[in-house]
Amino acid sequence: MILGGPKYSTKQFTYNKETRTFVTEGSTIQHGNRFMGQLYDDACDEGFTLVSHKTGVAVMYYYVDTVRDAEGDIIKWTFNEAGSNGGNYCTCVDVYND
């Protein structure tokens, strides 16, 4: 079963058309001490769902990587669109650690 993780409005994100990337800060979307959750009941994939504030269309994003600086501090977490296989129309999400 699809759980979808937490749901967020695209109003909470900035969208870069050139890179097809939604961007926000972790504190903007944080629920308690986390901003991502389990996407499927039978898998350990984590992420969240973005819901377009214009169209109501919901898209799931799964966790891909944590980017760190030279000292090991987290700069951002990256997410890819679930089911997209990285195609030309794939969108991504960067959540910056603030």
PDB file of N, CA and C in Angstrom:
ATOM      1  N   MET A   1       0.838  -1.176   0.000  1.00  0.00           N
ATOM      2  CA  MET A   1       0.000   0.000   0.000  1.00  0.00           C
ATOM      3  C   MET A   1       0.889   1.247   0.000  1.00  0.00           C
ATOM      4  N   ILE A   2       0.457   2.258  -0.692  1.00  0.00           N
ATOM      5  CA  ILE A   2       1.192   3.522  -0.736  1.00  0.00           C
ATOM      6  C   ILE A   2       0.794   4.365   0.468  1.00  0.00           C
ATOM      7  N   LEU A   3       1.788   4.761   1.244  1.00  0.00           N
ATOM      8  CA  LEU A   3       1.561   5.635   2.387  1.00  0.00           C
ATOM      9  C   LEU A   3       1.831   7.091   2.014  1.00  0.00           C
ATOM     10  N   GLY A   4       2.884   7.313   1.233  1.00  0.00           N
ATOM     11  CA  GLY A   4       3.192   8.637   0.719  1.00  0.00           C
ATOM     12  C   GLY A   4       3.964   9.567   1.629  1.00  0.00           C
ATOM     13  N   GLY A   5       4.181   9.167   2.885  1.00  0.00           N
ATOM     14  CA  GLY A   5       4.903  10.055   3.795  1.00  0.00           C
ATOM     15  C   GLY A   5       4.115  11.321   4.068  1.00  0.00           C
ATOM     16  N   PRO A   6       4.729  12.294   4.727  1.00  0.00           N
ATOM     17  CA  PRO A   6       4.047  13.567   4.973  1.00  0.00           C
ATOM     18  C   PRO A   6       3.712  14.267   3.655  1.00  0.00           C
ATOM     19  N   LYS A   7       2.669  15.080   3.674  1.00  0.00           N
ATOM     20  CA  LYS A   7       2.265  15.829   2.481  1.00  0.00           C
ATOM     21  C   LYS A   7       2.512  17.322   2.703  1.00  0.00           C
ATOM     22  N   TYR A   8       3.093  17.956   1.681  1.00  0.00           N
ATOM     23  CA  TYR A   8       3.397  19.382   1.746  1.00  0.00           C
ATOM     24  C   TYR A   8       2.871  20.083   0.508  1.00  0.00           C
ATOM     25  N   SER A   9       2.470  21.318   0.674  1.00  0.00           N
ATOM     26  CA  SER A   9       2.041  22.137  -0.453  1.00  0.00           C
ATOM     27  C   SER A   9       3.262  22.712  -1.167  1.00  0.00           C
ATOM     28  N   THR A  10       3.165  22.841  -2.479  1.00  0.00           N
ATOM     29  CA  THR A  10       4.251  23.457  -3.233  1.00  0.00           C
ATOM     30  C   THR A  10       4.428  24.931  -2.855  1.00  0.00           C
ATOM     31  N   LYS A  11       3.468  25.508  -2.140  1.00  0.00           N
ATOM     32  CA  LYS A  11       3.619  26.888  -1.662  1.00  0.00           C
ATOM     33  C   LYS A  11       4.800  27.013  -0.700  1.00  0.00           C
ATOM     34  N   GLN A  12       5.207  25.897  -0.088  1.00  0.00           N
ATOM     35  CA  GLN A  12       6.301  25.899   0.881  1.00  0.00           C
ATOM     36  C   GLN A  12       7.669  25.753   0.211  1.00  0.00           C
ATOM     37  N   PHE A  13       7.690  25.709  -1.118  1.00  0.00           N
ATOM     38  CA  PHE A  13       8.906  25.480  -1.883  1.00  0.00           C
ATOM     39  C   PHE A  13       9.081  26.559  -2.945  1.00  0.00           C
ATOM     40  N   THR A  14      10.317  26.783  -3.339  1.00  0.00           N
ATOM     41  CA  THR A  14      10.641  27.601  -4.497  1.00  0.00           C
ATOM     42  C   THR A  14      10.959  26.631  -5.627  1.00  0.00           C
ATOM     43  N   TYR A  15      10.512  26.954  -6.852  1.00  0.00           N
ATOM     44  CA  TYR A  15      10.758  26.056  -7.977  1.00  0.00           C
ATOM     45  C   TYR A  15      11.698  26.708  -8.975  1.00  0.00           C
ATOM     46  N   ASN A  16      12.763  25.988  -9.358  1.00  0.00           N
ATOM     47  CA  ASN A  16      13.717  26.437 -10.365  1.00  0.00           C
ATOM     48  C   ASN A  16      13.411  25.685 -11.662  1.00  0.00           C
ATOM     49  N   LYS A  17      12.863  26.387 -12.652  1.00  0.00           N
ATOM     50  CA  LYS A  17      12.483  25.747 -13.924  1.00  0.00           C
ATOM     51  C   LYS A  17      13.675  25.169 -14.671  1.00  0.00           C
ATOM     52  N   GLU A  18      14.811  25.848 -14.628  1.00  0.00           N
ATOM     53  CA  GLU A  18      15.992  25.403 -15.379  1.00  0.00           C
ATOM     54  C   GLU A  18      16.502  24.049 -14.892  1.00  0.00           C
ATOM     55  N   THR A  19      16.503  23.853 -13.572  1.00  0.00           N
ATOM     56  CA  THR A  19      17.017  22.598 -13.014  1.00  0.00           C
ATOM     57  C   THR A  19      15.897  21.622 -12.648  1.00  0.00           C
ATOM     58  N   ARG A  20      14.645  22.067 -12.808  1.00  0.00           N
ATOM     59  CA  ARG A  20      13.466  21.264 -12.432  1.00  0.00           C
ATOM     60  C   ARG A  20      13.565  20.796 -10.986  1.00  0.00           C
ATOM     61  N   THR A  21      13.935  21.727 -10.111  1.00  0.00           N
ATOM     62  CA  THR A  21      14.150  21.400  -8.710  1.00  0.00           C
ATOM     63  C   THR A  21      13.307  22.288  -7.796  1.00  0.00           C
ATOM     64  N   PHE A  22      12.601  21.632  -6.864  1.00  0.00           N
ATOM     65  CA  PHE A  22      11.921  22.347  -5.788  1.00  0.00           C
ATOM     66  C   PHE A  22      12.923  22.490  -4.650  1.00  0.00           C
ATOM     67  N   VAL A  23      12.938  23.654  -3.985  1.00  0.00           N
ATOM     68  CA  VAL A  23      13.912  23.922  -2.925  1.00  0.00           C
ATOM     69  C   VAL A  23      13.185  24.504  -1.712  1.00  0.00           C
ATOM     70  N   THR A  24      13.580  24.057  -0.522  1.00  0.00           N
ATOM     71  CA  THR A  24      13.077  24.626   0.722  1.00  0.00           C
ATOM     72  C   THR A  24      14.090  24.404   1.818  1.00  0.00           C
ATOM     73  N   GLU A  25      13.815  24.941   3.000  1.00  0.00           N
ATOM     74  CA  GLU A  25      14.644  24.697   4.181  1.00  0.00           C
ATOM     75  C   GLU A  25      13.935  23.690   5.074  1.00  0.00           C
ATOM     76  N   GLY A  26      14.708  22.864   5.746  1.00  0.00           N
ATOM     77  CA  GLY A  26      14.147  21.832   6.594  1.00  0.00           C
ATOM     78  C   GLY A  26      13.177  22.358   7.638  1.00  0.00           C
ATOM     79  N   SER A  27      13.475  23.510   8.215  1.00  0.00           N
ATOM     80  CA  SER A  27      12.607  24.062   9.258  1.00  0.00           C
ATOM     81  C   SER A  27      11.244  24.478   8.715  1.00  0.00           C
ATOM     82  N   THR A  28      11.149  24.713   7.419  1.00  0.00           N
ATOM     83  CA  THR A  28       9.881  25.109   6.805  1.00  0.00           C
ATOM     84  C   THR A  28       8.888  23.963   6.768  1.00  0.00           C
ATOM     85  N   ILE A  29       9.379  22.734   6.614  1.00  0.00           N
ATOM     86  CA  ILE A  29       8.488  21.592   6.452  1.00  0.00           C
ATOM     87  C   ILE A  29       8.612  20.558   7.574  1.00  0.00           C
ATOM     88  N   GLN A  30       9.353  20.857   8.610  1.00  0.00           N
ATOM     89  CA  GLN A  30       9.621  19.879   9.657  1.00  0.00           C
ATOM     90  C   GLN A  30       8.368  19.549  10.458  1.00  0.00           C
ATOM     91  N   HIS A  31       8.146  18.240  10.687  1.00  0.00           N
ATOM     92  CA  HIS A  31       7.086  17.738  11.571  1.00  0.00           C
ATOM     93  C   HIS A  31       7.786  17.126  12.765  1.00  0.00           C
ATOM     94  N   GLY A  32       7.731  17.766  13.906  1.00  0.00           N
ATOM     95  CA  GLY A  32       8.503  17.272  15.046  1.00  0.00           C
ATOM     96  C   GLY A  32       9.974  17.373  14.726  1.00  0.00           C
ATOM     97  N   ASN A  33      10.678  16.249  14.745  1.00  0.00           N
ATOM     98  CA  ASN A  33      12.107  16.293  14.430  1.00  0.00           C
ATOM     99  C   ASN A  33      12.399  15.684  13.057  1.00  0.00           C
ATOM    100  N   ARG A  34      11.369  15.451  12.242  1.00  0.00           N
ATOM    101  CA  ARG A  34      11.555  14.838  10.918  1.00  0.00           C
ATOM    102  C   ARG A  34      10.691  15.549   9.880  1.00  0.00           C
ATOM    103  N   PHE A  35      11.103  15.463   8.629  1.00  0.00           N
ATOM    104  CA  PHE A  35      10.273  16.002   7.557  1.00  0.00           C
ATOM    105  C   PHE A  35       9.963  14.958   6.494  1.00  0.00           C
ATOM    106  N   MET A  36      10.484  13.718   6.653  1.00  0.00           N
ATOM    107  CA  MET A  36      10.165  12.660   5.707  1.00  0.00           C
ATOM    108  C   MET A  36       9.630  11.451   6.471  1.00  0.00           C
ATOM    109  N   GLY A  37       8.938  10.591   5.740  1.00  0.00           N
ATOM    110  CA  GLY A  37       8.356   9.409   6.350  1.00  0.00           C
ATOM    111  C   GLY A  37       8.336   8.255   5.369  1.00  0.00           C
ATOM    112  N   GLN A  38       7.820   7.125   5.822  1.00  0.00           N
ATOM    113  CA  GLN A  38       7.762   5.915   5.014  1.00  0.00           C
ATOM    114  C   GLN A  38       6.797   6.110   3.837  1.00  0.00           C
ATOM    115  N   LEU A  39       7.255   5.738   2.620  1.00  0.00           N
ATOM    116  CA  LEU A  39       6.437   5.908   1.423  1.00  0.00           C
ATOM    117  C   LEU A  39       5.517   4.721   1.152  1.00  0.00           C
ATOM    118  N   TYR A  40       5.966   3.523   1.466  1.00  0.00           N
ATOM    119  CA  TYR A  40       5.200   2.297   1.200  1.00  0.00           C
ATOM    120  C   TYR A  40       5.172   1.441   2.456  1.00  0.00           C
ATOM    121  N   ASP A  41       4.077   0.713   2.675  1.00  0.00           N
ATOM    122  CA  ASP A  41       3.985  -0.105   3.883  1.00  0.00           C
ATOM    123  C   ASP A  41       4.864  -1.351   3.831  1.00  0.00           C
ATOM    124  N   ASP A  42       5.312  -1.747   2.632  1.00  0.00           N
ATOM    125  CA  ASP A  42       6.112  -2.967   2.501  1.00  0.00           C
ATOM    126  C   ASP A  42       7.560  -2.697   2.085  1.00  0.00           C
ATOM    127  N   ALA A  43       8.030  -1.467   2.275  1.00  0.00           N
ATOM    128  CA  ALA A  43       9.404  -1.113   1.907  1.00  0.00           C
ATOM    129  C   ALA A  43       9.909  -0.035   2.863  1.00  0.00           C
ATOM    130  N   CYS A  44      11.218   0.136   2.910  1.00  0.00           N
ATOM    131  CA  CYS A  44      11.793   1.112   3.837  1.00  0.00           C
ATOM    132  C   CYS A  44      12.074   2.464   3.176  1.00  0.00           C
ATOM    133  N   ASP A  45      11.635   2.661   1.927  1.00  0.00           N
ATOM    134  CA  ASP A  45      11.850   3.938   1.253  1.00  0.00           C
ATOM    135  C   ASP A  45      11.224   5.072   2.058  1.00  0.00           C
ATOM    136  N   GLU A  46      11.985   6.173   2.181  1.00  0.00           N
ATOM    137  CA  GLU A  46      11.460   7.332   2.889  1.00  0.00           C
ATOM    138  C   GLU A  46      11.412   8.535   1.957  1.00  0.00           C
ATOM    139  N   GLY A  47      10.515   9.437   2.249  1.00  0.00           N
ATOM    140  CA  GLY A  47      10.370  10.637   1.461  1.00  0.00           C
ATOM    141  C   GLY A  47       9.128  11.391   1.877  1.00  0.00           C
ATOM    142  N   PHE A  48       8.489  12.045   0.915  1.00  0.00           N
ATOM    143  CA  PHE A  48       7.276  12.820   1.194  1.00  0.00           C
ATOM    144  C   PHE A  48       6.537  13.045  -0.112  1.00  0.00           C
ATOM    145  N   THR A  49       5.363  13.639  -0.015  1.00  0.00           N
ATOM    146  CA  THR A  49       4.539  13.940  -1.184  1.00  0.00           C
ATOM    147  C   THR A  49       4.368  15.441  -1.295  1.00  0.00           C
ATOM    148  N   LEU A  50       4.582  15.966  -2.486  1.00  0.00           N
ATOM    149  CA  LEU A  50       4.296  17.377  -2.767  1.00  0.00           C
ATOM    150  C   LEU A  50       2.953  17.453  -3.465  1.00  0.00           C
ATOM    151  N   VAL A  51       2.120  18.384  -3.022  1.00  0.00           N
ATOM    152  CA  VAL A  51       0.812  18.600  -3.625  1.00  0.00           C
ATOM    153  C   VAL A  51       0.803  19.997  -4.230  1.00  0.00           C
ATOM    154  N   SER A  52       0.549  20.075  -5.536  1.00  0.00           N
ATOM    155  CA  SER A  52       0.536  21.369  -6.223  1.00  0.00           C
ATOM    156  C   SER A  52      -0.575  22.252  -5.667  1.00  0.00           C
ATOM    157  N   HIS A  53      -0.215  23.455  -5.260  1.00  0.00           N
ATOM    158  CA  HIS A  53      -1.214  24.388  -4.763  1.00  0.00           C
ATOM    159  C   HIS A  53      -2.053  24.966  -5.908  1.00  0.00           C
ATOM    160  N   LYS A  54      -1.623  24.733  -7.154  1.00  0.00           N
ATOM    161  CA  LYS A  54      -2.369  25.225  -8.321  1.00  0.00           C
ATOM    162  C   LYS A  54      -3.308  24.170  -8.891  1.00  0.00           C
ATOM    163  N   THR A  55      -2.844  22.914  -8.957  1.00  0.00           N
ATOM    164  CA  THR A  55      -3.627  21.867  -9.631  1.00  0.00           C
ATOM    165  C   THR A  55      -4.137  20.775  -8.698  1.00  0.00           C
ATOM    166  N   GLY A  56      -3.550  20.661  -7.509  1.00  0.00           N
ATOM    167  CA  GLY A  56      -3.924  19.597  -6.588  1.00  0.00           C
ATOM    168  C   GLY A  56      -3.264  18.260  -6.893  1.00  0.00           C
ATOM    169  N   VAL A  57      -2.434  18.193  -7.940  1.00  0.00           N
ATOM    170  CA  VAL A  57      -1.739  16.957  -8.294  1.00  0.00           C
ATOM    171  C   VAL A  57      -0.688  16.640  -7.231  1.00  0.00           C
ATOM    172  N   ALA A  58      -0.650  15.382  -6.796  1.00  0.00           N
ATOM    173  CA  ALA A  58       0.293  14.947  -5.769  1.00  0.00           C
ATOM    174  C   ALA A  58       1.379  14.075  -6.395  1.00  0.00           C
ATOM    175  N   VAL A  59       2.642  14.345  -6.030  1.00  0.00           N
ATOM    176  CA  VAL A  59       3.787  13.589  -6.542  1.00  0.00           C
ATOM    177  C   VAL A  59       4.664  13.192  -5.357  1.00  0.00           C
ATOM    178  N   MET A  60       5.033  11.907  -5.300  1.00  0.00           N
ATOM    179  CA  MET A  60       5.913  11.420  -4.237  1.00  0.00           C
ATOM    180  C   MET A  60       7.376  11.606  -4.627  1.00  0.00           C
ATOM    181  N   TYR A  61       8.195  11.892  -3.609  1.00  0.00           N
ATOM    182  CA  TYR A  61       9.637  12.023  -3.781  1.00  0.00           C
ATOM    183  C   TYR A  61      10.327  11.126  -2.766  1.00  0.00           C
ATOM    184  N   TYR A  62      11.356  10.400  -3.213  1.00  0.00           N
ATOM    185  CA  TYR A  62      12.081   9.492  -2.330  1.00  0.00           C
ATOM    186  C   TYR A  62      13.481  10.027  -2.049  1.00  0.00           C
ATOM    187  N   TYR A  63      13.972   9.728  -0.842  1.00  0.00           N
ATOM    188  CA  TYR A  63      15.290  10.164  -0.393  1.00  0.00           C
ATOM    189  C   TYR A  63      16.381   9.519  -1.239  1.00  0.00           C
ATOM    190  N   VAL A  64      17.357  10.356  -1.678  1.00  0.00           N
ATOM    191  CA  VAL A  64      18.456   9.874  -2.501  1.00  0.00           C
ATOM    192  C   VAL A  64      19.802  10.017  -1.795  1.00  0.00           C
ATOM    193  N   ASP A  65      20.071  11.184  -1.211  1.00  0.00           N
ATOM    194  CA  ASP A  65      21.420  11.436  -0.714  1.00  0.00           C
ATOM    195  C   ASP A  65      21.425  12.559   0.317  1.00  0.00           C
ATOM    196  N   THR A  66      22.466  12.560   1.140  1.00  0.00           N
ATOM    197  CA  THR A  66      22.751  13.652   2.056  1.00  0.00           C
ATOM    198  C   THR A  66      24.059  14.281   1.611  1.00  0.00           C
ATOM    199  N   VAL A  67      24.054  15.584   1.373  1.00  0.00           N
ATOM    200  CA  VAL A  67      25.257  16.308   0.950  1.00  0.00           C
ATOM    201  C   VAL A  67      25.851  16.979   2.188  1.00  0.00           C
ATOM    202  N   ARG A  68      27.146  16.750   2.404  1.00  0.00           N
ATOM    203  CA  ARG A  68      27.827  17.288   3.583  1.00  0.00           C
ATOM    204  C   ARG A  68      28.997  18.195   3.178  1.00  0.00           C
ATOM    205  N   ASP A  69      29.363  19.100   4.080  1.00  0.00           N
ATOM    206  CA  ASP A  69      30.533  19.948   3.824  1.00  0.00           C
ATOM    207  C   ASP A  69      31.791  19.227   4.295  1.00  0.00           C
ATOM    208  N   ALA A  70      32.933  19.903   4.203  1.00  0.00           N
ATOM    209  CA  ALA A  70      34.230  19.297   4.536  1.00  0.00           C
ATOM    210  C   ALA A  70      34.317  18.856   5.994  1.00  0.00           C
ATOM    211  N   GLU A  71      33.565  19.514   6.885  1.00  0.00           N
ATOM    212  CA  GLU A  71      33.582  19.147   8.298  1.00  0.00           C
ATOM    213  C   GLU A  71      32.572  18.056   8.638  1.00  0.00           C
ATOM    214  N   GLY A  72      31.788  17.637   7.657  1.00  0.00           N
ATOM    215  CA  GLY A  72      30.793  16.598   7.891  1.00  0.00           C
ATOM    216  C   GLY A  72      29.414  17.101   8.259  1.00  0.00           C
ATOM    217  N   ASP A  73      29.238  18.429   8.286  1.00  0.00           N
ATOM    218  CA  ASP A  73      27.922  18.988   8.589  1.00  0.00           C
ATOM    219  C   ASP A  73      27.014  18.843   7.373  1.00  0.00           C
ATOM    220  N   ILE A  74      25.731  18.598   7.625  1.00  0.00           N
ATOM    221  CA  ILE A  74      24.771  18.412   6.534  1.00  0.00           C
ATOM    222  C   ILE A  74      24.453  19.750   5.877  1.00  0.00           C
ATOM    223  N   ILE A  75      24.597  19.793   4.554  1.00  0.00           N
ATOM    224  CA  ILE A  75      24.213  20.967   3.769  1.00  0.00           C
ATOM    225  C   ILE A  75      22.771  20.809   3.295  1.00  0.00           C
ATOM    226  N   LYS A  76      22.472  19.635   2.695  1.00  0.00           N
ATOM    227  CA  LYS A  76      21.123  19.411   2.182  1.00  0.00           C
ATOM    228  C   LYS A  76      20.855  17.924   2.018  1.00  0.00           C
ATOM    229  N   TRP A  77      19.570  17.610   1.878  1.00  0.00           N
ATOM    230  CA  TRP A  77      19.110  16.270   1.542  1.00  0.00           C
ATOM    231  C   TRP A  77      18.490  16.361   0.153  1.00  0.00           C
ATOM    232  N   THR A  78      18.729  15.361  -0.687  1.00  0.00           N
ATOM    233  CA  THR A  78      18.182  15.378  -2.045  1.00  0.00           C
ATOM    234  C   THR A  78      17.162  14.249  -2.219  1.00  0.00           C
ATOM    235  N   PHE A  79      16.168  14.525  -3.047  1.00  0.00           N
ATOM    236  CA  PHE A  79      15.058  13.605  -3.303  1.00  0.00           C
ATOM    237  C   PHE A  79      14.750  13.594  -4.797  1.00  0.00           C
ATOM    238  N   ASN A  80      14.376  12.431  -5.310  1.00  0.00           N
ATOM    239  CA  ASN A  80      13.958  12.299  -6.713  1.00  0.00           C
ATOM    240  C   ASN A  80      12.494  11.917  -6.777  1.00  0.00           C
ATOM    241  N   GLU A  81      11.894  12.243  -7.895  1.00  0.00           N
ATOM    242  CA  GLU A  81      10.491  11.932  -8.127  1.00  0.00           C
ATOM    243  C   GLU A  81      10.309  10.416  -8.220  1.00  0.00           C
ATOM    244  N   ALA A  82       9.416   9.873  -7.439  1.00  0.00           N
ATOM    245  CA  ALA A  82       9.171   8.429  -7.432  1.00  0.00           C
ATOM    246  C   ALA A  82       8.549   7.988  -8.754  1.00  0.00           C
ATOM    247  N   GLY A  83       9.084   6.901  -9.308  1.00  0.00           N
ATOM    248  CA  GLY A  83       8.534   6.342 -10.536  1.00  0.00           C
ATOM    249  C   GLY A  83       8.980   7.018 -11.811  1.00  0.00           C
ATOM    250  N   SER A  84       9.887   8.001 -11.707  1.00  0.00           N
ATOM    251  CA  SER A  84      10.276   8.757 -12.897  1.00  0.00           C
ATOM    252  C   SER A  84      11.448   8.140 -13.646  1.00  0.00           C
ATOM    253  N   ASN A  85      12.249   7.318 -12.979  1.00  0.00           N
ATOM    254  CA  ASN A  85      13.456   6.729 -13.558  1.00  0.00           C
ATOM    255  C   ASN A  85      14.419   7.775 -14.108  1.00  0.00           C
ATOM    256  N   GLY A  86      14.371   8.989 -13.577  1.00  0.00           N
ATOM    257  CA  GLY A  86      15.313  10.027 -13.983  1.00  0.00           C
ATOM    258  C   GLY A  86      15.106  10.548 -15.391  1.00  0.00           C
ATOM    259  N   GLY A  87      13.912  10.442 -15.912  1.00  0.00           N
ATOM    260  CA  GLY A  87      13.630  10.881 -17.272  1.00  0.00           C
ATOM    261  C   GLY A  87      13.751  12.382 -17.464  1.00  0.00           C
ATOM    262  N   ASN A  88      13.565  12.821 -18.687  1.00  0.00           N
ATOM    263  CA  ASN A  88      13.715  14.240 -19.034  1.00  0.00           C
ATOM    264  C   ASN A  88      12.766  15.157 -18.279  1.00  0.00           C
ATOM    265  N   TYR A  89      11.642  14.636 -17.848  1.00  0.00           N
ATOM    266  CA  TYR A  89      10.658  15.485 -17.175  1.00  0.00           C
ATOM    267  C   TYR A  89      10.652  15.290 -15.672  1.00  0.00           C
ATOM    268  N   CYS A  90      11.668  14.626 -15.169  1.00  0.00           N
ATOM    269  CA  CYS A  90      11.805  14.351 -13.743  1.00  0.00           C
ATOM    270  C   CYS A  90      12.040  15.662 -12.982  1.00  0.00           C
ATOM    271  N   THR A  91      11.374  15.791 -11.844  1.00  0.00           N
ATOM    272  CA  THR A  91      11.675  16.900 -10.954  1.00  0.00           C
ATOM    273  C   THR A  91      12.353  16.348  -9.709  1.00  0.00           C
ATOM    274  N   CYS A  92      13.110  17.193  -9.050  1.00  0.00           N
ATOM    275  CA  CYS A  92      13.845  16.806  -7.860  1.00  0.00           C
ATOM    276  C   CYS A  92      13.514  17.792  -6.746  1.00  0.00           C
ATOM    277  N   VAL A  93      13.929  17.445  -5.527  1.00  0.00           N
ATOM    278  CA  VAL A  93      13.748  18.329  -4.380  1.00  0.00           C
ATOM    279  C   VAL A  93      15.068  18.387  -3.618  1.00  0.00           C
ATOM    280  N   ASP A  94      15.452  19.604  -3.216  1.00  0.00           N
ATOM    281  CA  ASP A  94      16.568  19.826  -2.308  1.00  0.00           C
ATOM    282  C   ASP A  94      16.013  20.459  -1.043  1.00  0.00           C
ATOM    283  N   VAL A  95      16.283  19.842   0.107  1.00  0.00           N
ATOM    284  CA  VAL A  95      15.886  20.386   1.397  1.00  0.00           C
ATOM    285  C   VAL A  95      17.165  20.782   2.112  1.00  0.00           C
ATOM    286  N   TYR A  96      17.329  22.083   2.316  1.00  0.00           N
ATOM    287  CA  TYR A  96      18.551  22.589   2.935  1.00  0.00           C
ATOM    288  C   TYR A  96      18.457  22.573   4.454  1.00  0.00           C
ATOM    289  N   ASN A  97      19.572  22.207   5.074  1.00  0.00           N
ATOM    290  CA  ASN A  97      19.680  22.187   6.526  1.00  0.00           C
ATOM    291  C   ASN A  97      19.938  23.620   6.996  1.00  0.00           C
ATOM    292  N   ASP A  98      19.009  24.154   7.728  1.00  0.00           N
ATOM    293  CA  ASP A  98      19.169  25.516   8.230  1.00  0.00           C
ATOM    294  C   ASP A  98      19.279  25.482   9.737  1.00  0.00           C
TER     295      ASP A  98
END
